[in-house]
């Protein structure tokens, strides 16, 4: 894989399990501070408790459980400011929220989405999995099983938020509560389900940082 010459510093913050509400608030704060140049680019890595999120392109019919069933199963629901349809987040899933200033040379939303896909394909490759794109769709698949979803927001000043979710050891039965990203024709998978063995979240986080550095021409700095 081609290596990009480092051009930026990225602070990596590993937050562990973090509620969706707290993650939204932190992203909002960091976007404002990045726009004001008070902080450097930041990559948040975390897991969420069970939550269904609705993007700007979501459709109500893609949520398959009632409010009562969601409450019984401990699943929150949030409308978000990102693009895309409905997604699920939960334990065993690596969520990444890059807070990046894309100026001056990366002000292209299509390129940013493809770069995130390339980064995730690189992560899967470290575990011997061949990640692929699907024409006309956003995300990363192994065969017909989607392992990674992407939904982003780029605010004024070309500052990014939201990001990606990679299934590591996720309980895939929870995806039965939604039509993932509104796509009915493909299933879902995880790194562990593809390999048939447990995979440590810390190992996937480390691979994600390495792949992020390579694709985005960054030098990661731990929190």
C-alpha atoms as a PDB file:
ATOM      1  CA  UNK A   1       0.000   0.000   0.000  1.00  0.00           C
ATOM      2  CA  UNK A   2       1.199   3.489  -0.809  1.00  0.00           C
ATOM      3  CA  UNK A   3       2.421   5.506   2.144  1.00  0.00           C
ATOM      4  CA  UNK A   4       1.535   9.187   2.403  1.00  0.00           C
ATOM      5  CA  UNK A   5       4.202  11.557   3.718  1.00  0.00           C
ATOM      6  CA  UNK A   6       3.052  12.803   7.155  1.00  0.00           C
ATOM      7  CA  UNK A   7       1.689  16.334   6.972  1.00  0.00           C
ATOM      8  CA  UNK A   8      -0.351  16.642  10.171  1.00  0.00           C
ATOM      9  CA  UNK A   9      -0.417  15.678  13.834  1.00  0.00           C
ATOM     10  CA  UNK A  10      -3.457  13.828  15.140  1.00  0.00           C
ATOM     11  CA  UNK A  11      -4.207  13.456  18.829  1.00  0.00           C
ATOM     12  CA  UNK A  12      -5.664  10.000  19.535  1.00  0.00           C
ATOM     13  CA  UNK A  13      -8.037   9.792  22.489  1.00  0.00           C
ATOM     14  CA  UNK A  14      -9.163   6.312  23.580  1.00  0.00           C
ATOM     15  CA  UNK A  15     -12.357   6.885  25.560  1.00  0.00           C
ATOM     16  CA  UNK A  16     -13.534   3.338  26.282  1.00  0.00           C
ATOM     17  CA  UNK A  17     -17.299   2.932  26.670  1.00  0.00           C
ATOM     18  CA  UNK A  18     -18.946   6.325  26.225  1.00  0.00           C
ATOM     19  CA  UNK A  19     -22.629   7.216  25.975  1.00  0.00           C
ATOM     20  CA  UNK A  20     -23.805   8.538  22.642  1.00  0.00           C
ATOM     21  CA  UNK A  21     -24.969  11.800  24.240  1.00  0.00           C
ATOM     22  CA  UNK A  22     -21.573  12.407  25.832  1.00  0.00           C
ATOM     23  CA  UNK A  23     -19.816  11.644  22.532  1.00  0.00           C
ATOM     24  CA  UNK A  24     -22.034  14.120  20.681  1.00  0.00           C
ATOM     25  CA  UNK A  25     -21.262  16.831  23.226  1.00  0.00           C
ATOM     26  CA  UNK A  26     -17.525  16.167  23.046  1.00  0.00           C
ATOM     27  CA  UNK A  27     -17.553  16.256  19.252  1.00  0.00           C
ATOM     28  CA  UNK A  28     -19.409  19.578  19.256  1.00  0.00           C
ATOM     29  CA  UNK A  29     -16.862  21.064  21.650  1.00  0.00           C
ATOM     30  CA  UNK A  30     -13.901  19.781  19.645  1.00  0.00           C
ATOM     31  CA  UNK A  31     -15.319  20.994  16.319  1.00  0.00           C
ATOM     32  CA  UNK A  32     -15.651  24.507  17.740  1.00  0.00           C
ATOM     33  CA  UNK A  33     -12.175  24.402  19.247  1.00  0.00           C
ATOM     34  CA  UNK A  34     -10.637  22.984  16.062  1.00  0.00           C
ATOM     35  CA  UNK A  35     -12.252  25.748  13.999  1.00  0.00           C
ATOM     36  CA  UNK A  36     -10.757  28.275  16.429  1.00  0.00           C
ATOM     37  CA  UNK A  37      -7.381  26.497  16.150  1.00  0.00           C
ATOM     38  CA  UNK A  38      -7.321  25.833  19.871  1.00  0.00           C
ATOM     39  CA  UNK A  39      -6.680  22.101  19.357  1.00  0.00           C
ATOM     40  CA  UNK A  40      -5.006  19.925  16.741  1.00  0.00           C
ATOM     41  CA  UNK A  41      -6.781  17.292  14.664  1.00  0.00           C
ATOM     42  CA  UNK A  42      -8.208  14.603  16.943  1.00  0.00           C
ATOM     43  CA  UNK A  43      -9.295  10.986  16.506  1.00  0.00           C
ATOM     44  CA  UNK A  44     -11.728   9.715  19.143  1.00  0.00           C
ATOM     45  CA  UNK A  45     -11.833   5.922  19.535  1.00  0.00           C
ATOM     46  CA  UNK A  46     -14.552   4.416  21.710  1.00  0.00           C
ATOM     47  CA  UNK A  47     -17.424   1.977  22.159  1.00  0.00           C
ATOM     48  CA  UNK A  48     -21.064   2.896  22.719  1.00  0.00           C
ATOM     49  CA  UNK A  49     -23.725   1.180  24.793  1.00  0.00           C
ATOM     50  CA  UNK A  50     -26.598  -0.123  22.654  1.00  0.00           C
ATOM     51  CA  UNK A  51     -27.963   2.728  20.534  1.00  0.00           C
ATOM     52  CA  UNK A  52     -29.751   3.232  17.224  1.00  0.00           C
ATOM     53  CA  UNK A  53     -28.829   6.433  15.389  1.00  0.00           C
ATOM     54  CA  UNK A  54     -30.741   8.171  12.619  1.00  0.00           C
ATOM     55  CA  UNK A  55     -28.839  10.111   9.976  1.00  0.00           C
ATOM     56  CA  UNK A  56     -30.142  12.917   7.795  1.00  0.00           C
ATOM     57  CA  UNK A  57     -31.214  10.396   5.135  1.00  0.00           C
ATOM     58  CA  UNK A  58     -32.947   7.954   7.488  1.00  0.00           C
ATOM     59  CA  UNK A  59     -36.378   6.440   6.999  1.00  0.00           C
ATOM     60  CA  UNK A  60     -38.630   5.494   9.913  1.00  0.00           C
ATOM     61  CA  UNK A  61     -39.441   2.105   8.403  1.00  0.00           C
ATOM     62  CA  UNK A  62     -35.785   1.079   8.759  1.00  0.00           C
ATOM     63  CA  UNK A  63     -36.180   0.945  12.553  1.00  0.00           C
ATOM     64  CA  UNK A  64     -37.788  -2.447  13.125  1.00  0.00           C
ATOM     65  CA  UNK A  65     -38.484  -2.358  16.871  1.00  0.00           C
ATOM     66  CA  UNK A  66     -41.031  -0.374  18.873  1.00  0.00           C
ATOM     67  CA  UNK A  67     -40.090   2.107  21.581  1.00  0.00           C
ATOM     68  CA  UNK A  68     -41.281  -0.458  24.139  1.00  0.00           C
ATOM     69  CA  UNK A  69     -39.008  -3.178  22.759  1.00  0.00           C
ATOM     70  CA  UNK A  70     -36.076  -0.763  22.577  1.00  0.00           C
ATOM     71  CA  UNK A  71     -36.610   0.110  26.226  1.00  0.00           C
ATOM     72  CA  UNK A  72     -36.819  -3.548  27.202  1.00  0.00           C
ATOM     73  CA  UNK A  73     -33.554  -4.298  25.417  1.00  0.00           C
ATOM     74  CA  UNK A  74     -31.772  -1.192  26.714  1.00  0.00           C
ATOM     75  CA  UNK A  75     -31.395   0.437  23.290  1.00  0.00           C
ATOM     76  CA  UNK A  76     -31.380   4.225  23.060  1.00  0.00           C
ATOM     77  CA  UNK A  77     -32.343   6.131  19.907  1.00  0.00           C
ATOM     78  CA  UNK A  78     -30.813   9.397  18.692  1.00  0.00           C
ATOM     79  CA  UNK A  79     -31.307  11.645  15.701  1.00  0.00           C
ATOM     80  CA  UNK A  80     -27.900  12.871  14.589  1.00  0.00           C
ATOM     81  CA  UNK A  81     -26.346  15.500  12.378  1.00  0.00           C
ATOM     82  CA  UNK A  82     -24.446  13.043  10.213  1.00  0.00           C
ATOM     83  CA  UNK A  83     -25.284  11.844   6.734  1.00  0.00           C
ATOM     84  CA  UNK A  84     -26.667   8.412   5.927  1.00  0.00           C
ATOM     85  CA  UNK A  85     -29.542   6.278   7.143  1.00  0.00           C
ATOM     86  CA  UNK A  86     -30.033   4.242  10.314  1.00  0.00           C
ATOM     87  CA  UNK A  87     -27.149   2.543  12.141  1.00  0.00           C
ATOM     88  CA  UNK A  88     -26.625   0.513  15.293  1.00  0.00           C
ATOM     89  CA  UNK A  89     -23.774   0.961  17.772  1.00  0.00           C
ATOM     90  CA  UNK A  90     -23.009  -1.286  20.696  1.00  0.00           C
ATOM     91  CA  UNK A  91     -20.401  -3.156  22.730  1.00  0.00           C
ATOM     92  CA  UNK A  92     -17.705  -4.862  20.697  1.00  0.00           C
ATOM     93  CA  UNK A  93     -17.844  -2.253  17.943  1.00  0.00           C
ATOM     94  CA  UNK A  94     -14.986   0.194  17.391  1.00  0.00           C
ATOM     95  CA  UNK A  95     -16.359   3.676  16.759  1.00  0.00           C
ATOM     96  CA  UNK A  96     -14.067   6.365  15.424  1.00  0.00           C
ATOM     97  CA  UNK A  97     -14.858  10.075  15.313  1.00  0.00           C
ATOM     98  CA  UNK A  98     -12.169  12.061  13.445  1.00  0.00           C
ATOM     99  CA  UNK A  99     -12.289  15.795  14.192  1.00  0.00           C
ATOM    100  CA  UNK A 100     -10.167  17.042  11.301  1.00  0.00           C
ATOM    101  CA  UNK A 101      -9.577  20.320   9.537  1.00  0.00           C
ATOM    102  CA  UNK A 102      -9.560  19.231   5.887  1.00  0.00           C
ATOM    103  CA  UNK A 103      -8.081  22.514   4.729  1.00  0.00           C
ATOM    104  CA  UNK A 104      -6.125  23.309   2.692  1.00  0.00           C
ATOM    105  CA  UNK A 105      -5.647  20.257   0.489  1.00  0.00           C
ATOM    106  CA  UNK A 106      -8.405  17.750   1.375  1.00  0.00           C
ATOM    107  CA  UNK A 107     -11.597  19.809   0.893  1.00  0.00           C
ATOM    108  CA  UNK A 108     -13.447  17.077  -0.964  1.00  0.00           C
ATOM    109  CA  UNK A 109     -16.242  15.121   0.755  1.00  0.00           C
ATOM    110  CA  UNK A 110     -16.123  12.253  -1.747  1.00  0.00           C
ATOM    111  CA  UNK A 111     -12.382  11.870  -1.210  1.00  0.00           C
ATOM    112  CA  UNK A 112     -12.837  11.956   2.565  1.00  0.00           C
ATOM    113  CA  UNK A 113     -15.378   9.114   2.449  1.00  0.00           C
ATOM    114  CA  UNK A 114     -13.143   7.047   0.194  1.00  0.00           C
ATOM    115  CA  UNK A 115     -10.173   7.720   2.501  1.00  0.00           C
ATOM    116  CA  UNK A 116     -12.136   6.424   5.497  1.00  0.00           C
ATOM    117  CA  UNK A 117     -13.004   3.317   3.511  1.00  0.00           C
ATOM    118  CA  UNK A 118      -9.357   2.860   2.565  1.00  0.00           C
ATOM    119  CA  UNK A 119      -8.345   3.217   6.189  1.00  0.00           C
ATOM    120  CA  UNK A 120     -10.835   0.525   7.248  1.00  0.00           C
ATOM    121  CA  UNK A 121      -9.769  -1.782   4.428  1.00  0.00           C
ATOM    122  CA  UNK A 122      -6.236  -1.415   5.795  1.00  0.00           C
ATOM    123  CA  UNK A 123      -7.393  -2.397   9.279  1.00  0.00           C
ATOM    124  CA  UNK A 124      -9.080  -5.547   7.987  1.00  0.00           C
ATOM    125  CA  UNK A 125      -5.973  -6.442   5.994  1.00  0.00           C
ATOM    126  CA  UNK A 126      -3.943  -6.585   9.213  1.00  0.00           C
ATOM    127  CA  UNK A 127      -6.250  -9.403  10.315  1.00  0.00           C
ATOM    128  CA  UNK A 128      -6.020 -11.259   7.022  1.00  0.00           C
ATOM    129  CA  UNK A 129      -9.410 -10.096   5.743  1.00  0.00           C
ATOM    130  CA  UNK A 130     -10.047  -8.648   2.306  1.00  0.00           C
ATOM    131  CA  UNK A 131     -12.273  -5.622   2.718  1.00  0.00           C
ATOM    132  CA  UNK A 132     -14.085  -4.314  -0.334  1.00  0.00           C
ATOM    133  CA  UNK A 133     -16.244  -1.418  -1.448  1.00  0.00           C
ATOM    134  CA  UNK A 134     -19.668  -1.815  -3.067  1.00  0.00           C
ATOM    135  CA  UNK A 135     -20.369   0.403  -6.064  1.00  0.00           C
ATOM    136  CA  UNK A 136     -22.797   3.176  -5.203  1.00  0.00           C
ATOM    137  CA  UNK A 137     -22.651   2.462  -1.444  1.00  0.00           C
ATOM    138  CA  UNK A 138     -20.553   3.755   1.440  1.00  0.00           C
ATOM    139  CA  UNK A 139     -18.817   1.382   3.837  1.00  0.00           C
ATOM    140  CA  UNK A 140     -16.630  -1.727   3.772  1.00  0.00           C
ATOM    141  CA  UNK A 141     -17.692  -5.328   3.147  1.00  0.00           C
ATOM    142  CA  UNK A 142     -16.183  -8.799   3.243  1.00  0.00           C
ATOM    143  CA  UNK A 143     -18.016 -10.618   0.471  1.00  0.00           C
ATOM    144  CA  UNK A 144     -21.661  -9.586   1.032  1.00  0.00           C
ATOM    145  CA  UNK A 145     -21.327  -8.892   4.737  1.00  0.00           C
ATOM    146  CA  UNK A 146     -20.888  -5.305   5.873  1.00  0.00           C
ATOM    147  CA  UNK A 147     -18.272  -4.937   8.588  1.00  0.00           C
ATOM    148  CA  UNK A 148     -17.897  -1.163   8.660  1.00  0.00           C
ATOM    149  CA  UNK A 149     -20.375   1.696   8.351  1.00  0.00           C
ATOM    150  CA  UNK A 150     -19.505   5.331   7.677  1.00  0.00           C
ATOM    151  CA  UNK A 151     -21.565   8.433   8.332  1.00  0.00           C
ATOM    152  CA  UNK A 152     -19.925  11.834   8.536  1.00  0.00           C
ATOM    153  CA  UNK A 153     -20.594  15.503   8.918  1.00  0.00           C
ATOM    154  CA  UNK A 154     -18.443  18.287   7.511  1.00  0.00           C
ATOM    155  CA  UNK A 155     -19.304  21.637   9.070  1.00  0.00           C
ATOM    156  CA  UNK A 156     -18.355  25.163   8.082  1.00  0.00           C
ATOM    157  CA  UNK A 157     -14.626  25.602   7.745  1.00  0.00           C
ATOM    158  CA  UNK A 158     -14.268  21.990   6.528  1.00  0.00           C
ATOM    159  CA  UNK A 159     -14.163  20.538  10.042  1.00  0.00           C
ATOM    160  CA  UNK A 160     -15.248  16.884  10.210  1.00  0.00           C
ATOM    161  CA  UNK A 161     -17.193  15.003  12.872  1.00  0.00           C
ATOM    162  CA  UNK A 162     -18.982  11.664  13.273  1.00  0.00           C
ATOM    163  CA  UNK A 163     -17.127   8.951  11.357  1.00  0.00           C
ATOM    164  CA  UNK A 164     -17.001   5.161  11.231  1.00  0.00           C
ATOM    165  CA  UNK A 165     -18.124   2.048  13.104  1.00  0.00           C
ATOM    166  CA  UNK A 166     -16.245  -1.241  12.673  1.00  0.00           C
ATOM    167  CA  UNK A 167     -17.731  -4.464  14.014  1.00  0.00           C
ATOM    168  CA  UNK A 168     -15.018  -6.235  16.002  1.00  0.00           C
ATOM    169  CA  UNK A 169     -16.827  -8.671  18.304  1.00  0.00           C
ATOM    170  CA  UNK A 170     -20.295  -7.136  18.104  1.00  0.00           C
ATOM    171  CA  UNK A 171     -23.407  -9.175  18.957  1.00  0.00           C
ATOM    172  CA  UNK A 172     -24.751  -9.144  15.412  1.00  0.00           C
ATOM    173  CA  UNK A 173     -28.269 -10.072  16.519  1.00  0.00           C
ATOM    174  CA  UNK A 174     -28.807  -6.415  17.458  1.00  0.00           C
ATOM    175  CA  UNK A 175     -28.656  -5.512  13.776  1.00  0.00           C
ATOM    176  CA  UNK A 176     -32.007  -7.259  13.527  1.00  0.00           C
ATOM    177  CA  UNK A 177     -33.524  -4.169  15.149  1.00  0.00           C
ATOM    178  CA  UNK A 178     -32.832  -2.075  12.027  1.00  0.00           C
ATOM    179  CA  UNK A 179     -32.283  -2.233   8.292  1.00  0.00           C
ATOM    180  CA  UNK A 180     -28.578  -1.349   8.480  1.00  0.00           C
ATOM    181  CA  UNK A 181     -27.957   1.850   6.506  1.00  0.00           C
ATOM    182  CA  UNK A 182     -31.241   1.128   4.703  1.00  0.00           C
ATOM    183  CA  UNK A 183     -29.613  -1.730   2.755  1.00  0.00           C
ATOM    184  CA  UNK A 184     -31.756  -4.875   2.648  1.00  0.00           C
ATOM    185  CA  UNK A 185     -29.701  -6.798   0.085  1.00  0.00           C
ATOM    186  CA  UNK A 186     -26.601  -7.435   2.221  1.00  0.00           C
ATOM    187  CA  UNK A 187     -25.920  -8.859   5.668  1.00  0.00           C
ATOM    188  CA  UNK A 188     -23.542  -7.795   8.413  1.00  0.00           C
ATOM    189  CA  UNK A 189     -20.423  -9.348   9.885  1.00  0.00           C
ATOM    190  CA  UNK A 190     -17.616  -8.681  12.318  1.00  0.00           C
ATOM    191  CA  UNK A 191     -13.901  -9.340  12.427  1.00  0.00           C
ATOM    192  CA  UNK A 192     -14.458 -12.062  15.025  1.00  0.00           C
ATOM    193  CA  UNK A 193     -17.267 -13.743  13.085  1.00  0.00           C
ATOM    194  CA  UNK A 194     -15.180 -13.759   9.919  1.00  0.00           C
ATOM    195  CA  UNK A 195     -12.128 -15.208  11.669  1.00  0.00           C
ATOM    196  CA  UNK A 196     -14.045 -17.581  13.925  1.00  0.00           C
ATOM    197  CA  UNK A 197     -12.161 -16.445  17.015  1.00  0.00           C
ATOM    198  CA  UNK A 198     -12.161 -13.607  19.545  1.00  0.00           C
ATOM    199  CA  UNK A 199     -10.278 -10.444  18.601  1.00  0.00           C
ATOM    200  CA  UNK A 200      -9.085  -7.930  21.179  1.00  0.00           C
ATOM    201  CA  UNK A 201     -10.435  -4.413  20.800  1.00  0.00           C
ATOM    202  CA  UNK A 202      -7.037  -2.985  21.741  1.00  0.00           C
ATOM    203  CA  UNK A 203      -5.447  -4.765  18.786  1.00  0.00           C
ATOM    204  CA  UNK A 204      -8.030  -3.333  16.389  1.00  0.00           C
ATOM    205  CA  UNK A 205      -7.619   0.163  17.846  1.00  0.00           C
ATOM    206  CA  UNK A 206      -3.860  -0.055  17.280  1.00  0.00           C
ATOM    207  CA  UNK A 207      -4.400  -1.216  13.693  1.00  0.00           C
ATOM    208  CA  UNK A 208      -6.862   1.634  13.135  1.00  0.00           C
ATOM    209  CA  UNK A 209      -4.313   4.213  14.298  1.00  0.00           C
ATOM    210  CA  UNK A 210      -1.620   2.777  12.025  1.00  0.00           C
ATOM    211  CA  UNK A 211      -3.947   2.723   9.016  1.00  0.00           C
ATOM    212  CA  UNK A 212      -5.216   6.235   9.781  1.00  0.00           C
ATOM    213  CA  UNK A 213      -1.651   7.542   9.877  1.00  0.00           C
ATOM    214  CA  UNK A 214      -0.880   5.960   6.525  1.00  0.00           C
ATOM    215  CA  UNK A 215      -4.008   7.075   4.645  1.00  0.00           C
ATOM    216  CA  UNK A 216      -4.249  10.590   6.090  1.00  0.00           C
ATOM    217  CA  UNK A 217      -0.539  11.365   6.144  1.00  0.00           C
ATOM    218  CA  UNK A 218      -0.620  11.823   9.892  1.00  0.00           C
ATOM    219  CA  UNK A 219       1.557  11.276  12.914  1.00  0.00           C
ATOM    220  CA  UNK A 220      -0.545  10.045  15.835  1.00  0.00           C
ATOM    221  CA  UNK A 221       0.040  11.458  19.279  1.00  0.00           C
ATOM    222  CA  UNK A 222      -1.456   9.585  22.254  1.00  0.00           C
ATOM    223  CA  UNK A 223      -3.762  11.440  24.613  1.00  0.00           C
END
